[in-house]
Amino acid sequence: MKELLTNWEFWTAFLAAIALILSQLPPVVSWFKKAKLDIDIHARAFLTHKIGNPNLQLHLIVRNIGGRETKINSIVCKVIHNKKIIAELPAQNYLSEDSKNNVLLTKFSIKPGQEWSKTLNFLNYFDRKEGQVFRDASKSIEDYVFEKRKEDDKSIHYAPDELVAPLLDQFDRLFIWNDGEYLLQIEVNTDAQEAPILREYRFTLFESQSAEMKEHTKDYSSGAGVYFDYARHSGVLVDLQN
């Protein structure tokens, strides 16, 4: 026994074994930690629309503060006004790193200690019926303006009211950004929890901001905001509060 106590080779090997065991303790402890996500957002959201169809953009940060890898299945933003859900907008895509393109949002996983931070676009695409209305009206206006430009390519031409009317009706059906108080409910659905993770934020949409978005309709007869993008149809920023 005395020889063992004074054998430096034994103690070197023993201490190395202890160090190896201790190095494995954090992963072992993490086996018993549940999956847990922390969610945060940027203090502002950007609101706009396409022929009344609501769009919302915000920067979302998701952190995995649990001990297990977690898969995000979907992210949805519910818009609540006057205590009623007036829109459920799924996150469809996010801005690329250079902010030049939109990248399709699919299911993704976050490892423990990892952070996922993206600027998300929330919207519902036109359904089949509304999509057909938009395509027909857009083509009619574009064809009309194209023919007029054959006669005079230096002037701005405007389609007659009967060609624009379907788009104005569509705007009236789909537009939701009226002035007032709103509640945004961010819902993150994962494979690790039965109930979604929810965060709520409030914002005020002022009358002038709502009116600015409604003004887009005045340009539809020229095709602006219909078959080509128009810089003036950018949208408005609102401040979010917990």
C-alpha atoms as a PDB file:
ATOM      1  CA  MET A   1       0.000   0.000   0.000  1.00  0.00           C
ATOM      2  CA  LYS A   2       2.882   2.351   0.862  1.00  0.00           C
ATOM      3  CA  GLU A   3       4.457   1.660  -2.512  1.00  0.00           C
ATOM      4  CA  LEU A   4       1.164   2.562  -4.216  1.00  0.00           C
ATOM      5  CA  LEU A   5       0.920   5.856  -2.341  1.00  0.00           C
ATOM      6  CA  THR A   6       4.411   6.863  -3.447  1.00  0.00           C
ATOM      7  CA  ASN A   7       4.013   5.677  -7.048  1.00  0.00           C
ATOM      8  CA  TRP A   8       3.850   8.891  -9.100  1.00  0.00           C
ATOM      9  CA  GLU A   9       2.806   7.013 -12.251  1.00  0.00           C
ATOM     10  CA  PHE A  10      -0.292   5.711 -10.435  1.00  0.00           C
ATOM     11  CA  TRP A  11      -1.272   9.169  -9.212  1.00  0.00           C
ATOM     12  CA  THR A  12      -0.719  10.698 -12.638  1.00  0.00           C
ATOM     13  CA  ALA A  13      -3.071   8.152 -14.177  1.00  0.00           C
ATOM     14  CA  PHE A  14      -5.563   8.556 -11.316  1.00  0.00           C
ATOM     15  CA  LEU A  15      -5.719  12.346 -11.633  1.00  0.00           C
ATOM     16  CA  ALA A  16      -6.088  12.078 -15.410  1.00  0.00           C
ATOM     17  CA  ALA A  17      -9.058   9.750 -14.922  1.00  0.00           C
ATOM     18  CA  ILE A  18     -10.677  12.185 -12.460  1.00  0.00           C
ATOM     19  CA  ALA A  19     -10.160  15.075 -14.900  1.00  0.00           C
ATOM     20  CA  LEU A  20     -11.801  13.060 -17.669  1.00  0.00           C
ATOM     21  CA  ILE A  21     -14.825  12.291 -15.487  1.00  0.00           C
ATOM     22  CA  LEU A  22     -15.203  15.929 -14.437  1.00  0.00           C
ATOM     23  CA  SER A  23     -14.972  17.086 -18.053  1.00  0.00           C
ATOM     24  CA  GLN A  24     -18.035  14.988 -18.834  1.00  0.00           C
ATOM     25  CA  LEU A  25     -20.191  16.386 -16.037  1.00  0.00           C
ATOM     26  CA  PRO A  26     -21.724  19.344 -17.971  1.00  0.00           C
ATOM     27  CA  PRO A  27     -23.031  17.099 -20.795  1.00  0.00           C
ATOM     28  CA  VAL A  28     -24.321  14.605 -18.250  1.00  0.00           C
ATOM     29  CA  VAL A  29     -26.149  17.345 -16.349  1.00  0.00           C
ATOM     30  CA  SER A  30     -27.659  18.634 -19.596  1.00  0.00           C
ATOM     31  CA  TRP A  31     -29.338  15.256 -20.142  1.00  0.00           C
ATOM     32  CA  PHE A  32     -31.704  16.135 -17.303  1.00  0.00           C
ATOM     33  CA  LYS A  33     -32.450  19.705 -18.443  1.00  0.00           C
ATOM     34  CA  LYS A  34     -35.701  20.205 -20.349  1.00  0.00           C
ATOM     35  CA  ALA A  35     -35.979  21.951 -23.688  1.00  0.00           C
ATOM     36  CA  LYS A  36     -36.583  25.664 -23.134  1.00  0.00           C
ATOM     37  CA  LEU A  37     -36.621  28.634 -25.492  1.00  0.00           C
ATOM     38  CA  ASP A  38     -36.385  32.337 -24.740  1.00  0.00           C
ATOM     39  CA  ILE A  39     -37.969  34.755 -27.228  1.00  0.00           C
ATOM     40  CA  ASP A  40     -37.319  38.432 -27.793  1.00  0.00           C
ATOM     41  CA  ILE A  41     -38.090  40.922 -30.565  1.00  0.00           C
ATOM     42  CA  HIS A  42     -36.884  44.266 -31.847  1.00  0.00           C
ATOM     43  CA  ALA A  43     -38.790  47.237 -30.453  1.00  0.00           C
ATOM     44  CA  ARG A  44     -40.451  48.071 -33.789  1.00  0.00           C
ATOM     45  CA  ALA A  45     -42.579  46.331 -36.396  1.00  0.00           C
ATOM     46  CA  PHE A  46     -43.160  47.291 -40.015  1.00  0.00           C
ATOM     47  CA  LEU A  47     -46.725  47.171 -41.365  1.00  0.00           C
ATOM     48  CA  THR A  48     -47.751  47.216 -44.998  1.00  0.00           C
ATOM     49  CA  HIS A  49     -50.122  45.487 -47.431  1.00  0.00           C
ATOM     50  CA  LYS A  50     -50.530  44.239 -50.995  1.00  0.00           C
ATOM     51  CA  ILE A  51     -53.906  45.378 -52.366  1.00  0.00           C
ATOM     52  CA  GLY A  52     -55.135  45.352 -48.759  1.00  0.00           C
ATOM     53  CA  ASN A  53     -53.653  41.944 -47.923  1.00  0.00           C
ATOM     54  CA  PRO A  54     -51.818  42.560 -44.604  1.00  0.00           C
ATOM     55  CA  ASN A  55     -48.070  42.094 -44.240  1.00  0.00           C
ATOM     56  CA  LEU A  56     -46.032  42.455 -41.058  1.00  0.00           C
ATOM     57  CA  GLN A  57     -42.270  42.430 -40.615  1.00  0.00           C
ATOM     58  CA  LEU A  58     -40.358  42.194 -37.340  1.00  0.00           C
ATOM     59  CA  HIS A  59     -37.016  41.005 -36.020  1.00  0.00           C
ATOM     60  CA  LEU A  60     -37.301  37.894 -33.848  1.00  0.00           C
ATOM     61  CA  ILE A  61     -34.606  36.443 -31.591  1.00  0.00           C
ATOM     62  CA  VAL A  62     -34.918  32.869 -30.316  1.00  0.00           C
ATOM     63  CA  ARG A  63     -32.442  31.462 -27.779  1.00  0.00           C
ATOM     64  CA  ASN A  64     -32.214  27.876 -26.596  1.00  0.00           C
ATOM     65  CA  ILE A  65     -31.609  28.167 -22.846  1.00  0.00           C
ATOM     66  CA  GLY A  66     -32.532  24.552 -22.156  1.00  0.00           C
ATOM     67  CA  GLY A  67     -30.506  21.382 -22.327  1.00  0.00           C
ATOM     68  CA  ARG A  68     -31.879  19.776 -25.476  1.00  0.00           C
ATOM     69  CA  GLU A  69     -31.897  20.560 -29.166  1.00  0.00           C
ATOM     70  CA  THR A  70     -35.303  21.953 -30.150  1.00  0.00           C
ATOM     71  CA  LYS A  71     -36.972  22.001 -33.554  1.00  0.00           C
ATOM     72  CA  ILE A  72     -39.051  25.046 -34.547  1.00  0.00           C
ATOM     73  CA  ASN A  73     -41.996  23.887 -36.654  1.00  0.00           C
ATOM     74  CA  SER A  74     -43.670  27.238 -37.329  1.00  0.00           C
ATOM     75  CA  ILE A  75     -43.937  30.850 -36.175  1.00  0.00           C
ATOM     76  CA  VAL A  76     -47.265  32.677 -36.358  1.00  0.00           C
ATOM     77  CA  CYS A  77     -48.294  36.241 -35.556  1.00  0.00           C
ATOM     78  CA  LYS A  78     -51.905  36.770 -34.484  1.00  0.00           C
ATOM     79  CA  VAL A  79     -53.228  40.315 -34.866  1.00  0.00           C
ATOM     80  CA  ILE A  80     -55.860  41.237 -32.272  1.00  0.00           C
ATOM     81  CA  HIS A  81     -58.004  44.381 -32.514  1.00  0.00           C
ATOM     82  CA  ASN A  82     -60.993  45.222 -30.313  1.00  0.00           C
ATOM     83  CA  LYS A  83     -60.458  41.874 -28.517  1.00  0.00           C
ATOM     84  CA  LYS A  84     -60.899  39.909 -31.762  1.00  0.00           C
ATOM     85  CA  ILE A  85     -58.322  38.032 -33.820  1.00  0.00           C
ATOM     86  CA  ILE A  86     -58.526  39.781 -37.194  1.00  0.00           C
ATOM     87  CA  ALA A  87     -55.576  38.022 -38.846  1.00  0.00           C
ATOM     88  CA  GLU A  88     -53.296  35.027 -38.347  1.00  0.00           C
ATOM     89  CA  LEU A  89     -50.113  35.665 -40.294  1.00  0.00           C
ATOM     90  CA  PRO A  90     -47.556  32.844 -40.580  1.00  0.00           C
ATOM     91  CA  ALA A  91     -43.867  33.651 -40.994  1.00  0.00           C
ATOM     92  CA  GLN A  92     -43.226  32.794 -44.644  1.00  0.00           C
ATOM     93  CA  ASN A  93     -39.648  33.957 -45.147  1.00  0.00           C
ATOM     94  CA  TYR A  94     -36.840  36.069 -43.705  1.00  0.00           C
ATOM     95  CA  LEU A  95     -34.303  38.586 -44.987  1.00  0.00           C
ATOM     96  CA  SER A  96     -30.960  37.219 -46.119  1.00  0.00           C
ATOM     97  CA  GLU A  97     -27.772  38.374 -44.399  1.00  0.00           C
ATOM     98  CA  ASP A  98     -27.245  41.108 -47.009  1.00  0.00           C
ATOM     99  CA  SER A  99     -30.969  42.096 -46.812  1.00  0.00           C
ATOM    100  CA  LYS A 100     -31.276  41.827 -50.597  1.00  0.00           C
ATOM    101  CA  ASN A 101     -33.384  38.684 -50.859  1.00  0.00           C
ATOM    102  CA  ASN A 102     -36.030  36.769 -48.953  1.00  0.00           C
ATOM    103  CA  VAL A 103     -35.190  33.226 -47.853  1.00  0.00           C
ATOM    104  CA  LEU A 104     -37.965  30.646 -47.476  1.00  0.00           C
ATOM    105  CA  LEU A 105     -38.575  29.779 -43.823  1.00  0.00           C
ATOM    106  CA  THR A 106     -38.694  26.036 -43.173  1.00  0.00           C
ATOM    107  CA  LYS A 107     -38.489  23.933 -40.020  1.00  0.00           C
ATOM    108  CA  PHE A 108     -35.160  24.354 -38.243  1.00  0.00           C
ATOM    109  CA  SER A 109     -33.410  23.235 -35.059  1.00  0.00           C
ATOM    110  CA  ILE A 110     -31.627  25.203 -32.324  1.00  0.00           C
ATOM    111  CA  LYS A 111     -28.982  23.550 -30.174  1.00  0.00           C
ATOM    112  CA  PRO A 112     -28.523  24.342 -26.454  1.00  0.00           C
ATOM    113  CA  GLY A 113     -26.823  27.710 -26.045  1.00  0.00           C
ATOM    114  CA  GLN A 114     -27.506  28.680 -29.662  1.00  0.00           C
ATOM    115  CA  GLU A 115     -29.266  31.881 -30.804  1.00  0.00           C
ATOM    116  CA  TRP A 116     -31.345  32.356 -33.977  1.00  0.00           C
ATOM    117  CA  SER A 117     -31.935  35.971 -35.017  1.00  0.00           C
ATOM    118  CA  LYS A 118     -33.838  36.903 -38.206  1.00  0.00           C
ATOM    119  CA  THR A 119     -36.057  39.595 -39.708  1.00  0.00           C
ATOM    120  CA  LEU A 120     -39.256  37.716 -40.533  1.00  0.00           C
ATOM    121  CA  ASN A 121     -42.031  38.493 -43.001  1.00  0.00           C
ATOM    122  CA  PHE A 122     -45.494  37.463 -41.792  1.00  0.00           C
ATOM    123  CA  LEU A 123     -48.276  37.213 -44.371  1.00  0.00           C
ATOM    124  CA  ASN A 124     -50.898  35.041 -46.005  1.00  0.00           C
ATOM    125  CA  TYR A 125     -50.589  34.686 -49.745  1.00  0.00           C
ATOM    126  CA  PHE A 126     -53.698  35.322 -51.815  1.00  0.00           C
ATOM    127  CA  ASP A 127     -55.992  32.311 -51.824  1.00  0.00           C
ATOM    128  CA  ARG A 128     -57.105  30.894 -55.163  1.00  0.00           C
ATOM    129  CA  LYS A 129     -60.113  33.195 -55.547  1.00  0.00           C
ATOM    130  CA  GLU A 130     -58.385  36.404 -54.482  1.00  0.00           C
ATOM    131  CA  GLY A 131     -55.333  35.494 -56.533  1.00  0.00           C
ATOM    132  CA  GLN A 132     -57.457  35.178 -59.656  1.00  0.00           C
ATOM    133  CA  VAL A 133     -59.109  38.547 -59.004  1.00  0.00           C
ATOM    134  CA  PHE A 134     -55.701  40.173 -58.632  1.00  0.00           C
ATOM    135  CA  ARG A 135     -54.174  38.556 -61.727  1.00  0.00           C
ATOM    136  CA  ASP A 136     -57.130  39.423 -63.963  1.00  0.00           C
ATOM    137  CA  ALA A 137     -57.286  43.052 -62.830  1.00  0.00           C
ATOM    138  CA  SER A 138     -53.513  43.467 -62.962  1.00  0.00           C
ATOM    139  CA  LYS A 139     -53.345  42.162 -66.525  1.00  0.00           C
ATOM    140  CA  SER A 140     -56.235  44.374 -67.655  1.00  0.00           C
ATOM    141  CA  ILE A 141     -54.562  47.506 -66.286  1.00  0.00           C
ATOM    142  CA  GLU A 142     -51.155  46.559 -67.681  1.00  0.00           C
ATOM    143  CA  ASP A 143     -52.587  45.841 -71.144  1.00  0.00           C
ATOM    144  CA  TYR A 144     -54.461  49.148 -71.165  1.00  0.00           C
ATOM    145  CA  VAL A 145     -51.406  51.187 -70.146  1.00  0.00           C
ATOM    146  CA  PHE A 146     -49.230  49.307 -72.642  1.00  0.00           C
ATOM    147  CA  GLU A 147     -51.552  50.198 -75.523  1.00  0.00           C
ATOM    148  CA  LYS A 148     -51.664  53.850 -74.472  1.00  0.00           C
ATOM    149  CA  ARG A 149     -47.880  54.011 -74.381  1.00  0.00           C
ATOM    150  CA  LYS A 150     -47.771  53.000 -78.015  1.00  0.00           C
ATOM    151  CA  GLU A 151     -49.435  56.328 -78.754  1.00  0.00           C
ATOM    152  CA  ASP A 152     -47.535  58.380 -76.162  1.00  0.00           C
ATOM    153  CA  ASP A 153     -44.605  56.893 -74.255  1.00  0.00           C
ATOM    154  CA  LYS A 154     -43.715  60.100 -72.397  1.00  0.00           C
ATOM    155  CA  SER A 155     -46.884  60.533 -70.340  1.00  0.00           C
ATOM    156  CA  ILE A 156     -48.275  58.633 -67.363  1.00  0.00           C
ATOM    157  CA  HIS A 157     -51.412  56.771 -68.369  1.00  0.00           C
ATOM    158  CA  TYR A 158     -54.273  55.756 -66.109  1.00  0.00           C
ATOM    159  CA  ALA A 159     -56.683  52.880 -66.566  1.00  0.00           C
ATOM    160  CA  PRO A 160     -60.430  53.678 -66.445  1.00  0.00           C
ATOM    161  CA  ASP A 161     -62.434  53.146 -63.263  1.00  0.00           C
ATOM    162  CA  GLU A 162     -64.062  49.924 -64.455  1.00  0.00           C
ATOM    163  CA  LEU A 163     -60.656  48.226 -64.726  1.00  0.00           C
ATOM    164  CA  VAL A 164     -59.502  49.446 -61.316  1.00  0.00           C
ATOM    165  CA  ALA A 165     -62.766  48.688 -59.466  1.00  0.00           C
ATOM    166  CA  PRO A 166     -61.981  44.967 -58.811  1.00  0.00           C
ATOM    167  CA  LEU A 167     -58.762  45.957 -57.022  1.00  0.00           C
ATOM    168  CA  LEU A 168     -60.507  48.600 -54.918  1.00  0.00           C
ATOM    169  CA  ASP A 169     -63.116  46.032 -53.899  1.00  0.00           C
ATOM    170  CA  GLN A 170     -60.334  43.596 -53.035  1.00  0.00           C
ATOM    171  CA  PHE A 171     -58.607  46.246 -50.951  1.00  0.00           C
ATOM    172  CA  ASP A 172     -61.827  46.875 -49.002  1.00  0.00           C
ATOM    173  CA  ARG A 173     -62.209  43.146 -48.284  1.00  0.00           C
ATOM    174  CA  LEU A 174     -58.661  42.540 -47.099  1.00  0.00           C
ATOM    175  CA  PHE A 175     -57.389  45.744 -45.483  1.00  0.00           C
ATOM    176  CA  ILE A 176     -57.107  45.551 -41.667  1.00  0.00           C
ATOM    177  CA  TRP A 177     -54.703  48.346 -40.704  1.00  0.00           C
ATOM    178  CA  ASN A 178     -57.232  50.849 -39.377  1.00  0.00           C
ATOM    179  CA  ASP A 179     -56.234  53.255 -36.618  1.00  0.00           C
ATOM    180  CA  GLY A 180     -56.513  52.054 -33.036  1.00  0.00           C
ATOM    181  CA  GLU A 181     -54.914  49.846 -30.381  1.00  0.00           C
ATOM    182  CA  TYR A 182     -53.565  46.428 -31.368  1.00  0.00           C
ATOM    183  CA  LEU A 183     -52.195  43.340 -29.669  1.00  0.00           C
ATOM    184  CA  LEU A 184     -49.672  41.101 -31.427  1.00  0.00           C
ATOM    185  CA  GLN A 185     -49.417  37.526 -30.218  1.00  0.00           C
ATOM    186  CA  ILE A 186     -46.233  35.786 -31.376  1.00  0.00           C
ATOM    187  CA  GLU A 187     -46.663  32.008 -31.352  1.00  0.00           C
ATOM    188  CA  VAL A 188     -43.668  29.678 -31.719  1.00  0.00           C
ATOM    189  CA  ASN A 189     -44.557  26.027 -32.274  1.00  0.00           C
ATOM    190  CA  THR A 190     -41.913  23.413 -31.452  1.00  0.00           C
ATOM    191  CA  ASP A 191     -41.599  19.643 -31.286  1.00  0.00           C
ATOM    192  CA  ALA A 192     -40.716  19.754 -27.585  1.00  0.00           C
ATOM    193  CA  GLN A 193     -43.799  21.345 -26.055  1.00  0.00           C
ATOM    194  CA  GLU A 194     -47.469  20.525 -26.368  1.00  0.00           C
ATOM    195  CA  ALA A 195     -48.521  24.171 -26.071  1.00  0.00           C
ATOM    196  CA  PRO A 196     -46.884  26.863 -28.241  1.00  0.00           C
ATOM    197  CA  ILE A 197     -44.582  29.494 -26.747  1.00  0.00           C
ATOM    198  CA  LEU A 198     -46.459  32.809 -26.641  1.00  0.00           C
ATOM    199  CA  ARG A 199     -45.342  36.419 -26.336  1.00  0.00           C
ATOM    200  CA  GLU A 200     -47.636  39.440 -26.520  1.00  0.00           C
ATOM    201  CA  TYR A 201     -46.855  42.992 -27.580  1.00  0.00           C
ATOM    202  CA  ARG A 202     -49.032  46.072 -27.955  1.00  0.00           C
ATOM    203  CA  PHE A 203     -48.877  48.916 -30.428  1.00  0.00           C
ATOM    204  CA  THR A 204     -50.884  51.940 -31.497  1.00  0.00           C
ATOM    205  CA  LEU A 205     -51.629  52.626 -35.150  1.00  0.00           C
ATOM    206  CA  PHE A 206     -52.364  56.304 -35.666  1.00  0.00           C
ATOM    207  CA  GLU A 207     -54.948  57.697 -38.054  1.00  0.00           C
ATOM    208  CA  SER A 208     -52.259  59.332 -40.202  1.00  0.00           C
ATOM    209  CA  GLN A 209     -50.419  56.003 -40.555  1.00  0.00           C
ATOM    210  CA  SER A 210     -53.570  54.165 -41.572  1.00  0.00           C
ATOM    211  CA  ALA A 211     -54.428  56.925 -44.057  1.00  0.00           C
ATOM    212  CA  GLU A 212     -50.933  56.695 -45.559  1.00  0.00           C
ATOM    213  CA  MET A 213     -51.460  53.021 -46.396  1.00  0.00           C
ATOM    214  CA  LYS A 214     -54.944  53.672 -47.768  1.00  0.00           C
ATOM    215  CA  GLU A 215     -53.447  56.263 -50.115  1.00  0.00           C
ATOM    216  CA  HIS A 216     -51.836  53.421 -52.070  1.00  0.00           C
ATOM    217  CA  THR A 217     -55.149  52.808 -53.825  1.00  0.00           C
ATOM    218  CA  LYS A 218     -54.883  56.146 -55.653  1.00  0.00           C
ATOM    219  CA  ASP A 219     -51.949  54.817 -57.677  1.00  0.00           C
ATOM    220  CA  TYR A 220     -53.498  51.530 -58.795  1.00  0.00           C
ATOM    221  CA  SER A 221     -54.892  53.001 -62.025  1.00  0.00           C
ATOM    222  CA  SER A 222     -51.340  53.642 -63.273  1.00  0.00           C
ATOM    223  CA  GLY A 223     -50.258  50.117 -62.345  1.00  0.00           C
ATOM    224  CA  ALA A 224     -48.129  51.330 -59.419  1.00  0.00           C
ATOM    225  CA  GLY A 225     -48.262  48.815 -56.594  1.00  0.00           C
ATOM    226  CA  VAL A 226     -50.099  46.422 -58.906  1.00  0.00           C
ATOM    227  CA  TYR A 227     -47.870  45.034 -61.637  1.00  0.00           C
ATOM    228  CA  PHE A 228     -44.784  47.002 -60.599  1.00  0.00           C
ATOM    229  CA  ASP A 229     -43.423  48.060 -57.205  1.00  0.00           C
ATOM    230  CA  TYR A 230     -43.662  51.675 -56.151  1.00  0.00           C
ATOM    231  CA  ALA A 231     -41.297  53.209 -53.580  1.00  0.00           C
ATOM    232  CA  ARG A 232     -44.029  55.348 -52.037  1.00  0.00           C
ATOM    233  CA  HIS A 233     -45.919  52.191 -51.047  1.00  0.00           C
ATOM    234  CA  SER A 234     -43.416  51.305 -48.340  1.00  0.00           C
ATOM    235  CA  GLY A 235     -45.567  50.989 -45.198  1.00  0.00           C
ATOM    236  CA  VAL A 236     -45.279  52.325 -41.637  1.00  0.00           C
ATOM    237  CA  LEU A 237     -43.261  51.597 -38.493  1.00  0.00           C
ATOM    238  CA  VAL A 238     -44.956  51.095 -35.124  1.00  0.00           C
ATOM    239  CA  ASP A 239     -43.435  50.883 -31.639  1.00  0.00           C
ATOM    240  CA  LEU A 240     -44.026  47.626 -29.762  1.00  0.00           C
ATOM    241  CA  GLN A 241     -44.520  47.430 -26.010  1.00  0.00           C
ATOM    242  CA  ASN A 242     -44.833  44.473 -23.640  1.00  0.00           C
END
